Amino acid sequence: MAKPNYQFEKRKRDLEKKAKKEEKKLRKKQASETPEMPEAAHSDAAT
């Protein structure tokens, strides 16, 4: 039986963490650029 390659598993986990962190950073940046106002959206839809 082949022995597990722990370095590969660690690198894969690290890449997944990095990608998730980058995605979260982009979402936060996008949210800060376009602040959502749910109350205003509801009042516009009603009229």
C-alpha atoms as a PDB file:
ATOM      1  CA  MET A   1       0.000   0.000   0.000  1.00  0.00           C
ATOM      2  CA  ALA A   2       1.267   3.461  -0.872  1.00  0.00           C
ATOM      3  CA  LYS A   3       2.006   5.837   1.954  1.00  0.00           C
ATOM      4  CA  PRO A   4       0.056   9.112   2.126  1.00  0.00           C
ATOM      5  CA  ASN A   5       1.640  12.281   0.788  1.00  0.00           C
ATOM      6  CA  TYR A   6       1.084  14.686   3.667  1.00  0.00           C
ATOM      7  CA  GLN A   7       2.849  17.587   1.971  1.00  0.00           C
ATOM      8  CA  PHE A   8       0.433  17.413  -0.949  1.00  0.00           C
ATOM      9  CA  GLU A   9      -2.564  17.313   1.413  1.00  0.00           C
ATOM     10  CA  LYS A  10      -1.248  20.286   3.394  1.00  0.00           C
ATOM     11  CA  ARG A  11      -0.588  22.286   0.215  1.00  0.00           C
ATOM     12  CA  LYS A  12      -4.086  21.502  -1.047  1.00  0.00           C
ATOM     13  CA  ARG A  13      -5.626  22.647   2.252  1.00  0.00           C
ATOM     14  CA  ASP A  14      -3.540  25.826   2.224  1.00  0.00           C
ATOM     15  CA  LEU A  15      -4.595  26.631  -1.347  1.00  0.00           C
ATOM     16  CA  GLU A  16      -8.254  26.106  -0.424  1.00  0.00           C
ATOM     17  CA  LYS A  17      -7.874  28.404   2.594  1.00  0.00           C
ATOM     18  CA  LYS A  18      -6.152  31.041   0.469  1.00  0.00           C
ATOM     19  CA  ALA A  19      -8.871  30.899  -2.196  1.00  0.00           C
ATOM     20  CA  LYS A  20     -11.622  31.150   0.416  1.00  0.00           C
ATOM     21  CA  LYS A  21      -9.888  34.092   2.101  1.00  0.00           C
ATOM     22  CA  GLU A  22      -9.480  35.887  -1.244  1.00  0.00           C
ATOM     23  CA  GLU A  23     -13.141  35.305  -2.109  1.00  0.00           C
ATOM     24  CA  LYS A  24     -14.214  36.682   1.268  1.00  0.00           C
ATOM     25  CA  LYS A  25     -11.967  39.725   0.784  1.00  0.00           C
ATOM     26  CA  LEU A  26     -13.523  40.423  -2.639  1.00  0.00           C
ATOM     27  CA  ARG A  27     -17.054  40.074  -1.225  1.00  0.00           C
ATOM     28  CA  LYS A  28     -16.261  42.520   1.591  1.00  0.00           C
ATOM     29  CA  LYS A  29     -14.746  44.988  -0.884  1.00  0.00           C
ATOM     30  CA  GLN A  30     -17.760  44.707  -3.174  1.00  0.00           C
ATOM     31  CA  ALA A  31     -20.178  45.158  -0.249  1.00  0.00           C
ATOM     32  CA  SER A  32     -18.353  48.277   0.945  1.00  0.00           C
ATOM     33  CA  GLU A  33     -18.444  49.825  -2.541  1.00  0.00           C
ATOM     34  CA  THR A  34     -22.188  49.308  -2.970  1.00  0.00           C
ATOM     35  CA  PRO A  35     -23.903  49.641   0.403  1.00  0.00           C
ATOM     36  CA  GLU A  36     -27.319  48.035   0.309  1.00  0.00           C
ATOM     37  CA  MET A  37     -30.331  49.816   1.743  1.00  0.00           C
ATOM     38  CA  PRO A  38     -33.155  47.288   2.168  1.00  0.00           C
ATOM     39  CA  GLU A  39     -35.632  49.870   3.503  1.00  0.00           C
ATOM     40  CA  ALA A  40     -35.234  52.085   0.415  1.00  0.00           C
ATOM     41  CA  ALA A  41     -35.689  49.115  -1.913  1.00  0.00           C
ATOM     42  CA  HIS A  42     -38.959  48.171  -0.234  1.00  0.00           C
ATOM     43  CA  SER A  43     -40.361  51.714  -0.384  1.00  0.00           C
ATOM     44  CA  ASP A  44     -39.505  52.025  -4.103  1.00  0.00           C
ATOM     45  CA  ALA A  45     -41.218  48.738  -4.892  1.00  0.00           C
ATOM     46  CA  ALA A  46     -44.394  49.794  -3.080  1.00  0.00           C
ATOM     47  CA  THR A  47     -44.859  52.989  -5.144  1.00  0.00           C
END
